[in-house]
Each structure stands twice: as structure tokens, then as C-alpha cells.
Amino acid sequence: MLGTVTLEAEVTNISMHCFWLLLGDEELAVPFSDFPWFKQATIEQISNVQRPTVDHLYWPQLDVDLSIESIRKPERFPLVSRSAA
């Protein structure tokens, strides 16, 4: 039987403008201007991130699903939902 694959995602820093995600050996900035769902979120809500697949992140407390590619290349994903604020 094969073991369970665990994919890690860790929030390493949060500032007024963005937060940083560590995904293996890659660190990505997630700017609030491109991802407004996180602007009013608490540190706990942002830090509670899951990585169910190689290219998928999920924040259960915020009900936010993102493709990692949308963080790497936000210009390729121009549709942004309005934030609740």
C-alpha cells in the first residue's frame, strides 16, 4: 500500500499589503489588491491554509479556493470577485 502524500503550505509573513506563502521551496507573495478576500481576514483565517493537490489551495474558514497558478500569474486570471467588505 502506498503512503499518503502530504502537500504543505505555510504562511510565513503577513503585512498590510500582502502575505507570503511557502510551498515547498517556493515562496509566493499574495497581494491583497489581487486577492481581496484576504484583506479583512484575521491572521488565524489566513494561516489556516490547506493544499489538497499540487495546484490547489483552500482556506476553510474563508471558503476561498485558489489555483497556485493564479497566485504566480494573476494577470492570466482577470476575473476577481468583489470582496464582502
PDB file of N, CA and C in Angstrom:
ATOM      1  N   MET A   1       0.849  -1.175   0.000  1.00  0.00           N
ATOM      2  CA  MET A   1       0.000   0.000   0.000  1.00  0.00           C
ATOM      3  C   MET A   1       0.895   1.238   0.000  1.00  0.00           C
ATOM      4  N   LEU A   2       0.545   2.203  -0.808  1.00  0.00           N
ATOM      5  CA  LEU A   2       1.299   3.438  -0.873  1.00  0.00           C
ATOM      6  C   LEU A   2       0.944   4.344   0.296  1.00  0.00           C
ATOM      7  N   GLY A   3       1.895   5.160   0.712  1.00  0.00           N
ATOM      8  CA  GLY A   3       1.658   6.118   1.785  1.00  0.00           C
ATOM      9  C   GLY A   3       0.852   7.316   1.294  1.00  0.00           C
ATOM     10  N   THR A   4       0.388   8.103   2.227  1.00  0.00           N
ATOM     11  CA  THR A   4      -0.381   9.298   1.907  1.00  0.00           C
ATOM     12  C   THR A   4       0.568  10.429   1.522  1.00  0.00           C
ATOM     13  N   VAL A   5       0.281  11.087   0.431  1.00  0.00           N
ATOM     14  CA  VAL A   5       1.072  12.231   0.007  1.00  0.00           C
ATOM     15  C   VAL A   5       0.584  13.455   0.775  1.00  0.00           C
ATOM     16  N   THR A   6       1.510  14.142   1.426  1.00  0.00           N
ATOM     17  CA  THR A   6       1.137  15.355   2.156  1.00  0.00           C
ATOM     18  C   THR A   6       1.780  16.545   1.468  1.00  0.00           C
ATOM     19  N   LEU A   7       0.953  17.469   1.083  1.00  0.00           N
ATOM     20  CA  LEU A   7       1.434  18.684   0.460  1.00  0.00           C
ATOM     21  C   LEU A   7       1.324  19.803   1.480  1.00  0.00           C
ATOM     22  N   GLU A   8       2.403  20.518   1.671  1.00  0.00           N
ATOM     23  CA  GLU A   8       2.430  21.547   2.690  1.00  0.00           C
ATOM     24  C   GLU A   8       2.280  22.938   2.092  1.00  0.00           C
ATOM     25  N   ALA A   9       1.625  23.775   2.828  1.00  0.00           N
ATOM     26  CA  ALA A   9       1.525  25.197   2.525  1.00  0.00           C
ATOM     27  C   ALA A   9       1.602  25.913   3.865  1.00  0.00           C
ATOM     28  N   GLU A  10       2.471  26.920   3.943  1.00  0.00           N
ATOM     29  CA  GLU A  10       2.650  27.641   5.202  1.00  0.00           C
ATOM     30  C   GLU A  10       2.689  29.139   4.933  1.00  0.00           C
ATOM     31  N   VAL A  11       1.963  29.881   5.724  1.00  0.00           N
ATOM     32  CA  VAL A  11       2.029  31.338   5.670  1.00  0.00           C
ATOM     33  C   VAL A  11       3.235  31.750   6.507  1.00  0.00           C
ATOM     34  N   THR A  12       4.169  32.459   5.871  1.00  0.00           N
ATOM     35  CA  THR A  12       5.411  32.817   6.573  1.00  0.00           C
ATOM     36  C   THR A  12       5.442  34.255   7.069  1.00  0.00           C
ATOM     37  N   ASN A  13       4.610  35.125   6.481  1.00  0.00           N
ATOM     38  CA  ASN A  13       4.610  36.520   6.894  1.00  0.00           C
ATOM     39  C   ASN A  13       3.322  37.183   6.409  1.00  0.00           C
ATOM     40  N   ILE A  14       2.862  38.178   7.159  1.00  0.00           N
ATOM     41  CA  ILE A  14       1.685  38.956   6.765  1.00  0.00           C
ATOM     42  C   ILE A  14       2.018  40.428   6.976  1.00  0.00           C
ATOM     43  N   SER A  15       1.748  41.244   5.954  1.00  0.00           N
ATOM     44  CA  SER A  15       1.949  42.685   6.067  1.00  0.00           C
ATOM     45  C   SER A  15       0.644  43.393   5.728  1.00  0.00           C
ATOM     46  N   MET A  16       0.686  44.707   5.662  1.00  0.00           N
ATOM     47  CA  MET A  16      -0.506  45.478   5.307  1.00  0.00           C
ATOM     48  C   MET A  16      -0.899  45.282   3.836  1.00  0.00           C
ATOM     49  N   HIS A  17       0.043  44.848   3.018  1.00  0.00           N
ATOM     50  CA  HIS A  17      -0.188  44.783   1.575  1.00  0.00           C
ATOM     51  C   HIS A  17      -0.353  43.378   1.027  1.00  0.00           C
ATOM     52  N   CYS A  18       0.176  42.387   1.740  1.00  0.00           N
ATOM     53  CA  CYS A  18       0.123  41.018   1.230  1.00  0.00           C
ATOM     54  C   CYS A  18       0.496  40.025   2.323  1.00  0.00           C
ATOM     55  N   PHE A  19       0.429  38.760   1.957  1.00  0.00           N
ATOM     56  CA  PHE A  19       1.018  37.738   2.809  1.00  0.00           C
ATOM     57  C   PHE A  19       1.838  36.807   1.935  1.00  0.00           C
ATOM     58  N   TRP A  20       2.749  36.078   2.557  1.00  0.00           N
ATOM     59  CA  TRP A  20       3.648  35.197   1.833  1.00  0.00           C
ATOM     60  C   TRP A  20       3.335  33.753   2.173  1.00  0.00           C
ATOM     61  N   LEU A  21       3.320  32.938   1.125  1.00  0.00           N
ATOM     62  CA  LEU A  21       3.076  31.506   1.254  1.00  0.00           C
ATOM     63  C   LEU A  21       4.337  30.737   0.897  1.00  0.00           C
ATOM     64  N   LEU A  22       4.710  29.783   1.715  1.00  0.00           N
ATOM     65  CA  LEU A  22       5.808  28.878   1.412  1.00  0.00           C
ATOM     66  C   LEU A  22       5.200  27.570   0.933  1.00  0.00           C
ATOM     67  N   LEU A  23       5.522  27.207  -0.303  1.00  0.00           N
ATOM     68  CA  LEU A  23       5.024  25.985  -0.925  1.00  0.00           C
ATOM     69  C   LEU A  23       6.241  25.156  -1.334  1.00  0.00           C
ATOM     70  N   GLY A  24       6.656  24.261  -0.472  1.00  0.00           N
ATOM     71  CA  GLY A  24       7.895  23.518  -0.729  1.00  0.00           C
ATOM     72  C   GLY A  24       9.066  24.478  -0.670  1.00  0.00           C
ATOM     73  N   ASP A  25       9.807  24.606  -1.783  1.00  0.00           N
ATOM     74  CA  ASP A  25      10.944  25.519  -1.815  1.00  0.00           C
ATOM     75  C   ASP A  25      10.617  26.831  -2.539  1.00  0.00           C
ATOM     76  N   GLU A  26       9.339  27.068  -2.803  1.00  0.00           N
ATOM     77  CA  GLU A  26       8.901  28.287  -3.486  1.00  0.00           C
ATOM     78  C   GLU A  26       8.118  29.165  -2.511  1.00  0.00           C
ATOM     79  N   GLU A  27       8.437  30.455  -2.488  1.00  0.00           N
ATOM     80  CA  GLU A  27       7.690  31.394  -1.660  1.00  0.00           C
ATOM     81  C   GLU A  27       7.001  32.408  -2.573  1.00  0.00           C
ATOM     82  N   LEU A  28       5.703  32.581  -2.369  1.00  0.00           N
ATOM     83  CA  LEU A  28       4.893  33.464  -3.204  1.00  0.00           C
ATOM     84  C   LEU A  28       4.246  34.549  -2.366  1.00  0.00           C
ATOM     85  N   ALA A  29       4.240  35.778  -2.894  1.00  0.00           N
ATOM     86  CA  ALA A  29       3.511  36.871  -2.270  1.00  0.00           C
ATOM     87  C   ALA A  29       2.079  36.837  -2.789  1.00  0.00           C
ATOM     88  N   VAL A  30       1.122  37.053  -1.887  1.00  0.00           N
ATOM     89  CA  VAL A  30      -0.298  37.097  -2.238  1.00  0.00           C
ATOM     90  C   VAL A  30      -0.797  38.503  -1.911  1.00  0.00           C
ATOM     91  N   PRO A  31      -0.774  39.416  -2.901  1.00  0.00           N
ATOM     92  CA  PRO A  31      -1.178  40.797  -2.640  1.00  0.00           C
ATOM     93  C   PRO A  31      -2.685  40.928  -2.424  1.00  0.00           C
ATOM     94  N   PHE A  32      -3.066  41.709  -1.428  1.00  0.00           N
ATOM     95  CA  PHE A  32      -4.485  41.926  -1.149  1.00  0.00           C
ATOM     96  C   PHE A  32      -5.176  42.638  -2.303  1.00  0.00           C
ATOM     97  N   SER A  33      -4.428  43.426  -3.079  1.00  0.00           N
ATOM     98  CA  SER A  33      -5.032  44.109  -4.228  1.00  0.00           C
ATOM     99  C   SER A  33      -5.509  43.122  -5.288  1.00  0.00           C
ATOM    100  N   ASP A  34      -4.822  41.991  -5.435  1.00  0.00           N
ATOM    101  CA  ASP A  34      -5.229  40.960  -6.392  1.00  0.00           C
ATOM    102  C   ASP A  34      -6.157  39.918  -5.775  1.00  0.00           C
ATOM    103  N   PHE A  35      -6.108  39.767  -4.459  1.00  0.00           N
ATOM    104  CA  PHE A  35      -6.879  38.742  -3.763  1.00  0.00           C
ATOM    105  C   PHE A  35      -7.610  39.390  -2.574  1.00  0.00           C
ATOM    106  N   PRO A  36      -8.664  40.161  -2.858  1.00  0.00           N
ATOM    107  CA  PRO A  36      -9.321  40.981  -1.836  1.00  0.00           C
ATOM    108  C   PRO A  36     -10.004  40.196  -0.724  1.00  0.00           C
ATOM    109  N   TRP A  37     -10.231  38.918  -0.912  1.00  0.00           N
ATOM    110  CA  TRP A  37     -10.903  38.107   0.115  1.00  0.00           C
ATOM    111  C   TRP A  37     -10.095  38.049   1.401  1.00  0.00           C
ATOM    112  N   PHE A  38      -8.793  38.298   1.308  1.00  0.00           N
ATOM    113  CA  PHE A  38      -7.926  38.178   2.477  1.00  0.00           C
ATOM    114  C   PHE A  38      -7.715  39.498   3.221  1.00  0.00           C
ATOM    115  N   LYS A  39      -8.112  40.601   2.635  1.00  0.00           N
ATOM    116  CA  LYS A  39      -7.814  41.934   3.189  1.00  0.00           C
ATOM    117  C   LYS A  39      -8.337  42.112   4.623  1.00  0.00           C
ATOM    118  N   GLN A  40      -9.538  41.678   4.900  1.00  0.00           N
ATOM    119  CA  GLN A  40     -10.127  41.841   6.231  1.00  0.00           C
ATOM    120  C   GLN A  40     -10.048  40.565   7.081  1.00  0.00           C
ATOM    121  N   ALA A  41      -9.371  39.550   6.572  1.00  0.00           N
ATOM    122  CA  ALA A  41      -9.274  38.275   7.290  1.00  0.00           C
ATOM    123  C   ALA A  41      -8.324  38.395   8.482  1.00  0.00           C
ATOM    124  N   THR A  42      -8.550  37.562   9.469  1.00  0.00           N
ATOM    125  CA  THR A  42      -7.659  37.519  10.634  1.00  0.00           C
ATOM    126  C   THR A  42      -6.412  36.709  10.300  1.00  0.00           C
ATOM    127  N   ILE A  43      -5.403  36.850  11.137  1.00  0.00           N
ATOM    128  CA  ILE A  43      -4.183  36.053  10.973  1.00  0.00           C
ATOM    129  C   ILE A  43      -4.525  34.573  11.036  1.00  0.00           C
ATOM    130  N   GLU A  44      -5.389  34.199  11.953  1.00  0.00           N
ATOM    131  CA  GLU A  44      -5.791  32.796  12.078  1.00  0.00           C
ATOM    132  C   GLU A  44      -6.439  32.293  10.802  1.00  0.00           C
ATOM    133  N   GLN A  45      -7.336  33.084  10.217  1.00  0.00           N
ATOM    134  CA  GLN A  45      -8.023  32.670   8.993  1.00  0.00           C
ATOM    135  C   GLN A  45      -7.051  32.528   7.823  1.00  0.00           C
ATOM    136  N   ILE A  46      -6.121  33.462   7.687  1.00  0.00           N
ATOM    137  CA  ILE A  46      -5.143  33.388   6.594  1.00  0.00           C
ATOM    138  C   ILE A  46      -4.179  32.223   6.807  1.00  0.00           C
ATOM    139  N   SER A  47      -3.780  32.000   8.040  1.00  0.00           N
ATOM    140  CA  SER A  47      -2.807  30.947   8.342  1.00  0.00           C
ATOM    141  C   SER A  47      -3.371  29.547   8.210  1.00  0.00           C
ATOM    142  N   ASN A  48      -4.668  29.416   8.274  1.00  0.00           N
ATOM    143  CA  ASN A  48      -5.306  28.104   8.167  1.00  0.00           C
ATOM    144  C   ASN A  48      -5.517  27.759   6.694  1.00  0.00           C
ATOM    145  N   VAL A  49      -4.428  27.391   6.031  1.00  0.00           N
ATOM    146  CA  VAL A  49      -4.460  27.067   4.605  1.00  0.00           C
ATOM    147  C   VAL A  49      -4.165  25.582   4.406  1.00  0.00           C
ATOM    148  N   GLN A  50      -4.872  24.986   3.489  1.00  0.00           N
ATOM    149  CA  GLN A  50      -4.685  23.584   3.141  1.00  0.00           C
ATOM    150  C   GLN A  50      -4.261  23.497   1.680  1.00  0.00           C
ATOM    151  N   ARG A  51      -3.503  22.465   1.363  1.00  0.00           N
ATOM    152  CA  ARG A  51      -3.068  22.230  -0.015  1.00  0.00           C
ATOM    153  C   ARG A  51      -3.474  20.811  -0.415  1.00  0.00           C
ATOM    154  N   PRO A  52      -4.743  20.646  -0.832  1.00  0.00           N
ATOM    155  CA  PRO A  52      -5.232  19.301  -1.136  1.00  0.00           C
ATOM    156  C   PRO A  52      -4.606  18.660  -2.374  1.00  0.00           C
ATOM    157  N   THR A  53      -4.160  19.472  -3.336  1.00  0.00           N
ATOM    158  CA  THR A  53      -3.471  18.951  -4.519  1.00  0.00           C
ATOM    159  C   THR A  53      -2.291  19.856  -4.836  1.00  0.00           C
ATOM    160  N   VAL A  54      -1.493  19.458  -5.788  1.00  0.00           N
ATOM    161  CA  VAL A  54      -0.288  20.195  -6.148  1.00  0.00           C
ATOM    162  C   VAL A  54      -0.588  21.640  -6.550  1.00  0.00           C
ATOM    163  N   ASP A  55      -1.707  21.892  -7.247  1.00  0.00           N
ATOM    164  CA  ASP A  55      -2.010  23.250  -7.717  1.00  0.00           C
ATOM    165  C   ASP A  55      -3.279  23.826  -7.100  1.00  0.00           C
ATOM    166  N   HIS A  56      -3.612  23.428  -5.892  1.00  0.00           N
ATOM    167  CA  HIS A  56      -4.859  23.892  -5.294  1.00  0.00           C
ATOM    168  C   HIS A  56      -4.634  24.236  -3.832  1.00  0.00           C
ATOM    169  N   LEU A  57      -5.083  25.436  -3.443  1.00  0.00           N
ATOM    170  CA  LEU A  57      -5.042  25.868  -2.046  1.00  0.00           C
ATOM    171  C   LEU A  57      -6.457  26.150  -1.580  1.00  0.00           C
ATOM    172  N   TYR A  58      -6.701  25.891  -0.300  1.00  0.00           N
ATOM    173  CA  TYR A  58      -8.033  26.098   0.263  1.00  0.00           C
ATOM    174  C   TYR A  58      -7.915  26.680   1.667  1.00  0.00           C
ATOM    175  N   TRP A  59      -8.679  27.744   1.901  1.00  0.00           N
ATOM    176  CA  TRP A  59      -8.797  28.373   3.219  1.00  0.00           C
ATOM    177  C   TRP A  59     -10.197  28.069   3.746  1.00  0.00           C
ATOM    178  N   PRO A  60     -10.369  27.046   4.584  1.00  0.00           N
ATOM    179  CA  PRO A  60     -11.708  26.630   5.009  1.00  0.00           C
ATOM    180  C   PRO A  60     -12.479  27.686   5.797  1.00  0.00           C
ATOM    181  N   GLN A  61     -11.823  28.467   6.624  1.00  0.00           N
ATOM    182  CA  GLN A  61     -12.537  29.475   7.409  1.00  0.00           C
ATOM    183  C   GLN A  61     -13.031  30.632   6.548  1.00  0.00           C
ATOM    184  N   LEU A  62     -12.427  30.815   5.375  1.00  0.00           N
ATOM    185  CA  LEU A  62     -12.827  31.889   4.465  1.00  0.00           C
ATOM    186  C   LEU A  62     -13.603  31.366   3.263  1.00  0.00           C
ATOM    187  N   ASP A  63     -13.643  30.043   3.094  1.00  0.00           N
ATOM    188  CA  ASP A  63     -14.258  29.390   1.937  1.00  0.00           C
ATOM    189  C   ASP A  63     -13.676  29.950   0.635  1.00  0.00           C
ATOM    190  N   VAL A  64     -12.341  30.021   0.589  1.00  0.00           N
ATOM    191  CA  VAL A  64     -11.622  30.510  -0.587  1.00  0.00           C
ATOM    192  C   VAL A  64     -10.805  29.352  -1.168  1.00  0.00           C
ATOM    193  N   ASP A  65     -10.995  29.103  -2.463  1.00  0.00           N
ATOM    194  CA  ASP A  65     -10.224  28.123  -3.225  1.00  0.00           C
ATOM    195  C   ASP A  65      -9.423  28.881  -4.270  1.00  0.00           C
ATOM    196  N   LEU A  66      -8.147  28.584  -4.375  1.00  0.00           N
ATOM    197  CA  LEU A  66      -7.313  29.227  -5.399  1.00  0.00           C
ATOM    198  C   LEU A  66      -6.403  28.220  -6.066  1.00  0.00           C
ATOM    199  N   SER A  67      -6.204  28.421  -7.339  1.00  0.00           N
ATOM    200  CA  SER A  67      -5.160  27.718  -8.065  1.00  0.00           C
ATOM    201  C   SER A  67      -3.841  28.400  -7.740  1.00  0.00           C
ATOM    202  N   ILE A  68      -2.798  27.640  -7.520  1.00  0.00           N
ATOM    203  CA  ILE A  68      -1.492  28.233  -7.250  1.00  0.00           C
ATOM    204  C   ILE A  68      -1.035  29.050  -8.456  1.00  0.00           C
ATOM    205  N   GLU A  69      -1.392  28.615  -9.635  1.00  0.00           N
ATOM    206  CA  GLU A  69      -1.028  29.357 -10.847  1.00  0.00           C
ATOM    207  C   GLU A  69      -1.642  30.760 -10.838  1.00  0.00           C
ATOM    208  N   SER A  70      -2.808  30.931 -10.227  1.00  0.00           N
ATOM    209  CA  SER A  70      -3.425  32.260 -10.167  1.00  0.00           C
ATOM    210  C   SER A  70      -2.633  33.205  -9.259  1.00  0.00           C
ATOM    211  N   ILE A  71      -1.868  32.668  -8.335  1.00  0.00           N
ATOM    212  CA  ILE A  71      -1.004  33.488  -7.489  1.00  0.00           C
ATOM    213  C   ILE A  71       0.288  33.808  -8.243  1.00  0.00           C
ATOM    214  N   ARG A  72       0.822  32.816  -8.927  1.00  0.00           N
ATOM    215  CA  ARG A  72       2.047  33.034  -9.707  1.00  0.00           C
ATOM    216  C   ARG A  72       1.832  34.036 -10.841  1.00  0.00           C
ATOM    217  N   LYS A  73       0.705  33.934 -11.522  1.00  0.00           N
ATOM    218  CA  LYS A  73       0.426  34.746 -12.719  1.00  0.00           C
ATOM    219  C   LYS A  73      -0.983  35.335 -12.643  1.00  0.00           C
ATOM    220  N   PRO A  74      -1.234  36.272 -11.723  1.00  0.00           N
ATOM    221  CA  PRO A  74      -2.598  36.795 -11.564  1.00  0.00           C
ATOM    222  C   PRO A  74      -3.146  37.468 -12.822  1.00  0.00           C
ATOM    223  N   GLU A  75      -2.278  37.958 -13.686  1.00  0.00           N
ATOM    224  CA  GLU A  75      -2.736  38.601 -14.915  1.00  0.00           C
ATOM    225  C   GLU A  75      -3.438  37.622 -15.859  1.00  0.00           C
ATOM    226  N   ARG A  76      -3.202  36.343 -15.697  1.00  0.00           N
ATOM    227  CA  ARG A  76      -3.870  35.323 -16.514  1.00  0.00           C
ATOM    228  C   ARG A  76      -5.272  34.995 -15.993  1.00  0.00           C
ATOM    229  N   PHE A  77      -5.607  35.535 -14.825  1.00  0.00           N
ATOM    230  CA  PHE A  77      -6.890  35.273 -14.183  1.00  0.00           C
ATOM    231  C   PHE A  77      -7.548  36.611 -13.848  1.00  0.00           C
ATOM    232  N   PRO A  78      -8.064  37.310 -14.851  1.00  0.00           N
ATOM    233  CA  PRO A  78      -8.536  38.680 -14.639  1.00  0.00           C
ATOM    234  C   PRO A  78      -9.849  38.811 -13.864  1.00  0.00           C
ATOM    235  N   LEU A  79     -10.632  37.767 -13.781  1.00  0.00           N
ATOM    236  CA  LEU A  79     -11.904  37.866 -13.068  1.00  0.00           C
ATOM    237  C   LEU A  79     -11.676  37.756 -11.572  1.00  0.00           C
ATOM    238  N   VAL A  80     -12.042  38.792 -10.854  1.00  0.00           N
ATOM    239  CA  VAL A  80     -11.891  38.819  -9.398  1.00  0.00           C
ATOM    240  C   VAL A  80     -13.257  39.133  -8.809  1.00  0.00           C
ATOM    241  N   SER A  81     -13.670  38.297  -7.883  1.00  0.00           N
ATOM    242  CA  SER A  81     -14.942  38.538  -7.207  1.00  0.00           C
ATOM    243  C   SER A  81     -14.814  39.753  -6.307  1.00  0.00           C
ATOM    244  N   ARG A  82     -15.907  40.462  -6.131  1.00  0.00           N
ATOM    245  CA  ARG A  82     -15.894  41.584  -5.195  1.00  0.00           C
ATOM    246  C   ARG A  82     -15.811  41.068  -3.780  1.00  0.00           C
ATOM    247  N   SER A  83     -15.050  41.749  -2.968  1.00  0.00           N
ATOM    248  CA  SER A  83     -14.935  41.337  -1.562  1.00  0.00           C
ATOM    249  C   SER A  83     -16.237  41.712  -0.834  1.00  0.00           C
ATOM    250  N   ALA A  84     -16.467  41.045   0.275  1.00  0.00           N
ATOM    251  CA  ALA A  84     -17.692  41.272   1.048  1.00  0.00           C
ATOM    252  C   ALA A  84     -17.668  42.608   1.789  1.00  0.00           C
ATOM    253  N   ALA A  85     -16.485  43.216   1.915  1.00  0.00           N
ATOM    254  CA  ALA A  85     -16.352  44.469   2.682  1.00  0.00           C
ATOM    255  C   ALA A  85     -16.925  45.659   1.967  1.00  0.00           C
TER     256      ALA A  85
END
